Amino acid sequence: MLQAVMVEAGKIEFGQVEKPKPEDHEVLIKIKRIGICGSDIHVFHGLHPYTNYPVVQGHEVSGEI
């Protein structure tokens, strides 16, 4: 599966990672759409005070179970 990782402010790298296997109490979501919020912009520009790189962004998603 393809994953985007912000390795430093303003720099995103793409790479293949193993598809996660959900536990009994979890589900795997096939992402269909994402949203970008204000904190994502701050992280990209290196302005978010609590970000440690590398970071995988994204907390506003929708998809199929």
PDB file of N, CA and C in Angstrom:
ATOM      1  N   MET A   1       0.851  -1.157   0.000  1.00  0.00           N
ATOM      2  CA  MET A   1       0.000   0.000   0.000  1.00  0.00           C
ATOM      3  C   MET A   1       0.902   1.225   0.000  1.00  0.00           C
ATOM      4  N   LEU A   2       0.453   2.282  -0.640  1.00  0.00           N
ATOM      5  CA  LEU A   2       1.237   3.517  -0.751  1.00  0.00           C
ATOM      6  C   LEU A   2       0.994   4.406   0.461  1.00  0.00           C
ATOM      7  N   GLN A   3       2.081   4.955   0.999  1.00  0.00           N
ATOM      8  CA  GLN A   3       1.987   5.828   2.166  1.00  0.00           C
ATOM      9  C   GLN A   3       2.790   7.095   1.906  1.00  0.00           C
ATOM     10  N   ALA A   4       2.217   8.234   2.296  1.00  0.00           N
ATOM     11  CA  ALA A   4       2.908   9.523   2.204  1.00  0.00           C
ATOM     12  C   ALA A   4       3.410   9.892   3.594  1.00  0.00           C
ATOM     13  N   VAL A   5       4.705  10.177   3.699  1.00  0.00           N
ATOM     14  CA  VAL A   5       5.315  10.525   4.978  1.00  0.00           C
ATOM     15  C   VAL A   5       5.991  11.882   4.841  1.00  0.00           C
ATOM     16  N   MET A   6       5.653  12.797   5.735  1.00  0.00           N
ATOM     17  CA  MET A   6       6.346  14.081   5.761  1.00  0.00           C
ATOM     18  C   MET A   6       7.617  13.875   6.576  1.00  0.00           C
ATOM     19  N   VAL A   7       8.755  13.866   5.900  1.00  0.00           N
ATOM     20  CA  VAL A   7      10.021  13.572   6.563  1.00  0.00           C
ATOM     21  C   VAL A   7      10.624  14.796   7.234  1.00  0.00           C
ATOM     22  N   GLU A   8      10.242  15.958   6.765  1.00  0.00           N
ATOM     23  CA  GLU A   8      10.638  17.231   7.373  1.00  0.00           C
ATOM     24  C   GLU A   8       9.675  18.283   6.855  1.00  0.00           C
ATOM     25  N   ALA A   9       9.716  19.452   7.418  1.00  0.00           N
ATOM     26  CA  ALA A   9       8.809  20.512   6.979  1.00  0.00           C
ATOM     27  C   ALA A   9       8.961  20.737   5.482  1.00  0.00           C
ATOM     28  N   GLY A  10       7.845  20.681   4.762  1.00  0.00           N
ATOM     29  CA  GLY A  10       7.844  20.941   3.333  1.00  0.00           C
ATOM     30  C   GLY A  10       8.315  19.803   2.452  1.00  0.00           C
ATOM     31  N   LYS A  11       8.633  18.638   3.024  1.00  0.00           N
ATOM     32  CA  LYS A  11       9.144  17.524   2.221  1.00  0.00           C
ATOM     33  C   LYS A  11       8.349  16.255   2.516  1.00  0.00           C
ATOM     34  N   ILE A  12       7.665  15.747   1.479  1.00  0.00           N
ATOM     35  CA  ILE A  12       6.858  14.537   1.590  1.00  0.00           C
ATOM     36  C   ILE A  12       7.460  13.470   0.696  1.00  0.00           C
ATOM     37  N   GLU A  13       7.618  12.264   1.245  1.00  0.00           N
ATOM     38  CA  GLU A  13       8.118  11.129   0.476  1.00  0.00           C
ATOM     39  C   GLU A  13       7.037  10.057   0.432  1.00  0.00           C
ATOM     40  N   PHE A  14       6.974   9.352  -0.699  1.00  0.00           N
ATOM     41  CA  PHE A  14       5.999   8.290  -0.895  1.00  0.00           C
ATOM     42  C   PHE A  14       6.723   6.961  -0.947  1.00  0.00           C
ATOM     43  N   GLY A  15       6.136   5.946  -0.316  1.00  0.00           N
ATOM     44  CA  GLY A  15       6.746   4.627  -0.328  1.00  0.00           C
ATOM     45  C   GLY A  15       5.717   3.545  -0.071  1.00  0.00           C
ATOM     46  N   GLN A  16       6.100   2.330  -0.383  1.00  0.00           N
ATOM     47  CA  GLN A  16       5.230   1.178  -0.166  1.00  0.00           C
ATOM     48  C   GLN A  16       5.418   0.646   1.253  1.00  0.00           C
ATOM     49  N   VAL A  17       4.319   0.369   1.920  1.00  0.00           N
ATOM     50  CA  VAL A  17       4.334  -0.242   3.247  1.00  0.00           C
ATOM     51  C   VAL A  17       3.375  -1.422   3.246  1.00  0.00           C
ATOM     52  N   GLU A  18       3.568  -2.326   4.193  1.00  0.00           N
ATOM     53  CA  GLU A  18       2.699  -3.490   4.290  1.00  0.00           C
ATOM     54  C   GLU A  18       1.291  -3.065   4.721  1.00  0.00           C
ATOM     55  N   LYS A  19       0.300  -3.648   4.083  1.00  0.00           N
ATOM     56  CA  LYS A  19      -1.096  -3.368   4.428  1.00  0.00           C
ATOM     57  C   LYS A  19      -1.370  -3.893   5.838  1.00  0.00           C
ATOM     58  N   PRO A  20      -1.922  -3.063   6.720  1.00  0.00           N
ATOM     59  CA  PRO A  20      -2.169  -3.516   8.092  1.00  0.00           C
ATOM     60  C   PRO A  20      -3.240  -4.601   8.161  1.00  0.00           C
ATOM     61  N   LYS A  21      -3.103  -5.468   9.148  1.00  0.00           N
ATOM     62  CA  LYS A  21      -4.099  -6.511   9.381  1.00  0.00           C
ATOM     63  C   LYS A  21      -4.854  -6.153  10.656  1.00  0.00           C
ATOM     64  N   PRO A  22      -6.158  -5.866  10.539  1.00  0.00           N
ATOM     65  CA  PRO A  22      -6.919  -5.447  11.723  1.00  0.00           C
ATOM     66  C   PRO A  22      -7.069  -6.575  12.744  1.00  0.00           C
ATOM     67  N   GLU A  23      -7.067  -6.192  14.014  1.00  0.00           N
ATOM     68  CA  GLU A  23      -7.334  -7.127  15.110  1.00  0.00           C
ATOM     69  C   GLU A  23      -8.840  -7.397  15.164  1.00  0.00           C
ATOM     70  N   ASP A  24      -9.260  -8.276  16.067  1.00  0.00           N
ATOM     71  CA  ASP A  24     -10.674  -8.646  16.180  1.00  0.00           C
ATOM     72  C   ASP A  24     -11.589  -7.454  16.433  1.00  0.00           C
ATOM     73  N   HIS A  25     -11.136  -6.467  17.154  1.00  0.00           N
ATOM     74  CA  HIS A  25     -11.968  -5.314  17.508  1.00  0.00           C
ATOM     75  C   HIS A  25     -11.717  -4.104  16.605  1.00  0.00           C
ATOM     76  N   GLU A  26     -11.080  -4.311  15.467  1.00  0.00           N
ATOM     77  CA  GLU A  26     -10.726  -3.221  14.554  1.00  0.00           C
ATOM     78  C   GLU A  26     -11.291  -3.477  13.163  1.00  0.00           C
ATOM     79  N   VAL A  27     -11.282  -2.441  12.316  1.00  0.00           N
ATOM     80  CA  VAL A  27     -11.662  -2.571  10.913  1.00  0.00           C
ATOM     81  C   VAL A  27     -10.599  -1.901  10.054  1.00  0.00           C
ATOM     82  N   LEU A  28     -10.514  -2.313   8.810  1.00  0.00           N
ATOM     83  CA  LEU A  28      -9.627  -1.690   7.838  1.00  0.00           C
ATOM     84  C   LEU A  28     -10.490  -0.833   6.919  1.00  0.00           C
ATOM     85  N   ILE A  29     -10.138   0.421   6.764  1.00  0.00           N
ATOM     86  CA  ILE A  29     -10.922   1.356   5.956  1.00  0.00           C
ATOM     87  C   ILE A  29     -10.185   1.645   4.658  1.00  0.00           C
ATOM     88  N   LYS A  30     -10.875   1.459   3.533  1.00  0.00           N
ATOM     89  CA  LYS A  30     -10.333   1.835   2.233  1.00  0.00           C
ATOM     90  C   LYS A  30     -10.636   3.319   2.044  1.00  0.00           C
ATOM     91  N   ILE A  31      -9.606   4.144   2.082  1.00  0.00           N
ATOM     92  CA  ILE A  31      -9.776   5.594   2.037  1.00  0.00           C
ATOM     93  C   ILE A  31     -10.273   6.017   0.656  1.00  0.00           C
ATOM     94  N   LYS A  32     -11.327   6.824   0.656  1.00  0.00           N
ATOM     95  CA  LYS A  32     -11.893   7.364  -0.582  1.00  0.00           C
ATOM     96  C   LYS A  32     -11.636   8.863  -0.722  1.00  0.00           C
ATOM     97  N   ARG A  33     -11.688   9.591   0.383  1.00  0.00           N
ATOM     98  CA  ARG A  33     -11.477  11.043   0.364  1.00  0.00           C
ATOM     99  C   ARG A  33     -10.770  11.461   1.645  1.00  0.00           C
ATOM    100  N   ILE A  34     -10.021  12.556   1.554  1.00  0.00           N
ATOM    101  CA  ILE A  34      -9.385  13.123   2.736  1.00  0.00           C
ATOM    102  C   ILE A  34      -9.655  14.616   2.781  1.00  0.00           C
ATOM    103  N   GLY A  35      -9.528  15.179   3.946  1.00  0.00           N
ATOM    104  CA  GLY A  35      -9.640  16.624   4.107  1.00  0.00           C
ATOM    105  C   GLY A  35      -8.342  17.170   4.674  1.00  0.00           C
ATOM    106  N   ILE A  36      -8.046  18.394   4.348  1.00  0.00           N
ATOM    107  CA  ILE A  36      -6.860  19.061   4.880  1.00  0.00           C
ATOM    108  C   ILE A  36      -7.343  20.150   5.824  1.00  0.00           C
ATOM    109  N   CYS A  37      -6.846  20.126   7.053  1.00  0.00           N
ATOM    110  CA  CYS A  37      -7.272  21.127   8.026  1.00  0.00           C
ATOM    111  C   CYS A  37      -6.131  22.108   8.294  1.00  0.00           C
ATOM    112  N   GLY A  38      -6.415  23.089   9.105  1.00  0.00           N
ATOM    113  CA  GLY A  38      -5.426  24.123   9.408  1.00  0.00           C
ATOM    114  C   GLY A  38      -4.161  23.585  10.038  1.00  0.00           C
ATOM    115  N   SER A  39      -4.300  22.577  10.916  1.00  0.00           N
ATOM    116  CA  SER A  39      -3.091  22.031  11.546  1.00  0.00           C
ATOM    117  C   SER A  39      -2.204  21.324  10.532  1.00  0.00           C
ATOM    118  N   ASP A  40      -2.794  20.703   9.493  1.00  0.00           N
ATOM    119  CA  ASP A  40      -1.992  20.076   8.438  1.00  0.00           C
ATOM    120  C   ASP A  40      -1.116  21.108   7.732  1.00  0.00           C
ATOM    121  N   ILE A  41      -1.672  22.272   7.475  1.00  0.00           N
ATOM    122  CA  ILE A  41      -0.915  23.346   6.820  1.00  0.00           C
ATOM    123  C   ILE A  41       0.231  23.808   7.718  1.00  0.00           C
ATOM    124  N   HIS A  42      -0.031  23.962   9.010  1.00  0.00           N
ATOM    125  CA  HIS A  42       1.022  24.370   9.943  1.00  0.00           C
ATOM    126  C   HIS A  42       2.138  23.327  10.014  1.00  0.00           C
ATOM    127  N   VAL A  43       1.764  22.045  10.034  1.00  0.00           N
ATOM    128  CA  VAL A  43       2.770  20.978  10.062  1.00  0.00           C
ATOM    129  C   VAL A  43       3.616  21.032   8.795  1.00  0.00           C
ATOM    130  N   PHE A  44       2.986  21.205   7.640  1.00  0.00           N
ATOM    131  CA  PHE A  44       3.719  21.253   6.374  1.00  0.00           C
ATOM    132  C   PHE A  44       4.756  22.371   6.373  1.00  0.00           C
ATOM    133  N   HIS A  45       4.382  23.505   6.925  1.00  0.00           N
ATOM    134  CA  HIS A  45       5.293  24.656   6.929  1.00  0.00           C
ATOM    135  C   HIS A  45       6.224  24.687   8.142  1.00  0.00           C
ATOM    136  N   GLY A  46       6.164  23.656   8.987  1.00  0.00           N
ATOM    137  CA  GLY A  46       7.039  23.589  10.150  1.00  0.00           C
ATOM    138  C   GLY A  46       6.645  24.520  11.277  1.00  0.00           C
ATOM    139  N   LEU A  47       5.385  24.920  11.333  1.00  0.00           N
ATOM    140  CA  LEU A  47       4.926  25.897  12.317  1.00  0.00           C
ATOM    141  C   LEU A  47       4.102  25.291  13.456  1.00  0.00           C
ATOM    142  N   HIS A  48       3.891  23.984  13.434  1.00  0.00           N
ATOM    143  CA  HIS A  48       3.105  23.350  14.497  1.00  0.00           C
ATOM    144  C   HIS A  48       4.046  22.966  15.637  1.00  0.00           C
ATOM    145  N   PRO A  49       3.803  23.464  16.848  1.00  0.00           N
ATOM    146  CA  PRO A  49       4.768  23.288  17.936  1.00  0.00           C
ATOM    147  C   PRO A  49       4.908  21.863  18.468  1.00  0.00           C
ATOM    148  N   TYR A  50       3.946  20.979  18.211  1.00  0.00           N
ATOM    149  CA  TYR A  50       3.994  19.635  18.787  1.00  0.00           C
ATOM    150  C   TYR A  50       4.306  18.546  17.767  1.00  0.00           C
ATOM    151  N   THR A  51       4.829  18.901  16.612  1.00  0.00           N
ATOM    152  CA  THR A  51       5.099  17.927  15.563  1.00  0.00           C
ATOM    153  C   THR A  51       6.524  17.418  15.650  1.00  0.00           C
ATOM    154  N   ASN A  52       6.648  16.096  15.594  1.00  0.00           N
ATOM    155  CA  ASN A  52       7.951  15.448  15.480  1.00  0.00           C
ATOM    156  C   ASN A  52       7.984  14.725  14.142  1.00  0.00           C
ATOM    157  N   TYR A  53       8.958  15.034  13.319  1.00  0.00           N
ATOM    158  CA  TYR A  53       9.091  14.393  12.010  1.00  0.00           C
ATOM    159  C   TYR A  53       9.929  13.130  12.162  1.00  0.00           C
ATOM    160  N   PRO A  54       9.677  12.114  11.351  1.00  0.00           N
ATOM    161  CA  PRO A  54       8.685  12.026  10.285  1.00  0.00           C
ATOM    162  C   PRO A  54       7.279  11.857  10.855  1.00  0.00           C
ATOM    163  N   VAL A  55       6.295  12.290  10.059  1.00  0.00           N
ATOM    164  CA  VAL A  55       4.901  12.207  10.485  1.00  0.00           C
ATOM    165  C   VAL A  55       4.021  11.821   9.293  1.00  0.00           C
ATOM    166  N   VAL A  56       3.041  10.964   9.563  1.00  0.00           N
ATOM    167  CA  VAL A  56       2.016  10.628   8.574  1.00  0.00           C
ATOM    168  C   VAL A  56       0.797  11.456   8.938  1.00  0.00           C
ATOM    169  N   GLN A  57       0.457  12.397   8.089  1.00  0.00           N
ATOM    170  CA  GLN A  57      -0.668  13.280   8.370  1.00  0.00           C
ATOM    171  C   GLN A  57      -1.983  12.625   7.987  1.00  0.00           C
ATOM    172  N   GLY A  58      -3.045  13.206   8.472  1.00  0.00           N
ATOM    173  CA  GLY A  58      -4.366  12.758   8.064  1.00  0.00           C
ATOM    174  C   GLY A  58      -5.208  12.292   9.223  1.00  0.00           C
ATOM    175  N   HIS A  59      -6.215  13.026   9.554  1.00  0.00           N
ATOM    176  CA  HIS A  59      -7.169  12.613  10.571  1.00  0.00           C
ATOM    177  C   HIS A  59      -8.590  12.960  10.154  1.00  0.00           C
ATOM    178  N   GLU A  60      -8.755  13.479   8.943  1.00  0.00           N
ATOM    179  CA  GLU A  60     -10.080  13.790   8.396  1.00  0.00           C
ATOM    180  C   GLU A  60     -10.264  12.955   7.136  1.00  0.00           C
ATOM    181  N   VAL A  61     -10.801  11.746   7.316  1.00  0.00           N
ATOM    182  CA  VAL A  61     -10.902  10.806   6.200  1.00  0.00           C
ATOM    183  C   VAL A  61     -12.310  10.231   6.102  1.00  0.00           C
ATOM    184  N   SER A  62     -12.625   9.719   4.924  1.00  0.00           N
ATOM    185  CA  SER A  62     -13.844   8.939   4.742  1.00  0.00           C
ATOM    186  C   SER A  62     -13.519   7.801   3.793  1.00  0.00           C
ATOM    187  N   GLY A  63     -14.240   6.698   3.950  1.00  0.00           N
ATOM    188  CA  GLY A  63     -13.947   5.555   3.103  1.00  0.00           C
ATOM    189  C   GLY A  63     -14.930   4.422   3.317  1.00  0.00           C
ATOM    190  N   GLU A  64     -14.545   3.251   2.802  1.00  0.00           N
ATOM    191  CA  GLU A  64     -15.370   2.042   2.880  1.00  0.00           C
ATOM    192  C   GLU A  64     -14.777   1.078   3.883  1.00  0.00           C
ATOM    193  N   ILE A  65     -15.669   0.423   4.622  1.00  0.00           N
ATOM    194  CA  ILE A  65     -15.230  -0.646   5.527  1.00  0.00           C
ATOM    195  C   ILE A  65     -15.335  -1.950   4.775  1.00  0.00           C
TER     196      ILE A  65
END
